[in-house]
Protein backbone atom coordinates (compact mmCIF):
# COMPACT_ATOMS: atom_id res chain seq x y z
CA MET A 1 119.01 95.08 98.08
CA ILE A 2 121.92 97.11 99.42
CA GLY A 3 123.83 96.70 96.16
CA GLN A 4 120.82 97.71 94.10
CA VAL A 5 120.46 101.39 94.95
CA ARG A 6 120.58 104.60 92.95
CA ALA A 7 123.01 106.92 94.69
CA VAL A 8 125.12 110.05 94.44
CA PRO A 9 128.08 110.77 96.71
CA GLY A 10 126.70 111.12 100.23
CA ALA A 11 123.06 110.22 99.53
CA ILE A 12 120.82 107.36 98.45
CA LEU A 13 118.20 108.41 95.88
CA GLY A 14 116.20 105.23 95.52
CA LEU A 15 116.14 101.54 94.75
CA ASP A 16 116.61 99.87 91.39
CA MET A 17 112.97 98.83 90.97
CA THR A 18 113.75 96.42 88.15
CA ALA A 19 116.18 94.56 90.42
CA ALA A 20 113.72 94.69 93.33
CA LEU A 21 110.95 93.17 91.23
CA ALA A 22 113.34 90.54 89.86
CA CYS A 23 114.21 89.60 93.46
CA ALA A 24 110.52 89.38 94.32
CA GLU A 25 109.87 87.14 91.33
CA ALA A 26 112.85 84.93 92.19
CA LEU A 27 111.45 84.53 95.70
CA GLY A 28 108.08 83.52 94.30
CA LEU A 29 106.30 86.64 95.53
CA PRO A 30 103.42 88.09 93.51
CA THR A 31 105.03 90.83 91.44
CA LEU A 32 101.84 92.89 91.12
CA VAL A 33 101.55 93.12 94.91
CA CYS A 34 105.25 93.93 95.23
CA ALA A 35 104.99 96.62 92.55
CA ASP A 36 102.19 98.18 94.58
CA LEU A 37 104.08 98.00 97.91
CA LEU A 38 107.62 98.81 96.76
CA PRO A 39 107.24 102.62 96.60
CA ALA A 40 106.32 102.75 100.30
CA VAL A 41 109.10 100.31 101.20
CA GLU A 42 111.56 102.31 99.09
CA ALA A 43 110.66 105.56 100.85
CA GLY A 44 111.30 104.05 104.28
CA MET A 45 114.55 102.41 103.20
CA VAL A 46 115.87 105.60 101.59
CA ARG A 47 115.05 107.65 104.71
CA GLY A 48 116.74 105.09 106.95
CA LEU A 49 119.82 104.68 104.77
CA ASN A 50 120.29 108.44 104.41
CA ALA A 51 119.91 108.92 108.18
CA HIS A 52 122.57 106.25 108.70
CA LEU A 53 124.89 107.91 106.17
CA LYS A 54 124.41 111.30 107.83
CA ALA A 55 125.16 109.83 111.28
CA GLU A 56 128.36 108.25 109.94
CA GLN A 57 129.43 111.55 108.35
CA ASP A 58 128.72 113.55 111.52
CA GLY A 59 130.81 111.16 113.60
CA PRO A 60 130.60 110.58 117.35
C-alpha cells in the first residue's frame, strides 16, 4: 500500500481507499469487513508513516 497514499510534501494524509479495497478483493478478503476495518487501519498507518517522516526530517 505504500504507493497508494494521499500525500502532500512532508506528510501523509491518508490511503487511497479504492486501491485498498481493490487489493482486499484481489486477495479474496471480504470487502464489507475490510471497508469496516480500513478506517482504523488507515489511522494507525498514517500516524506511523508521519512519525517516520518526521524522524527522517529531524535527522540523528
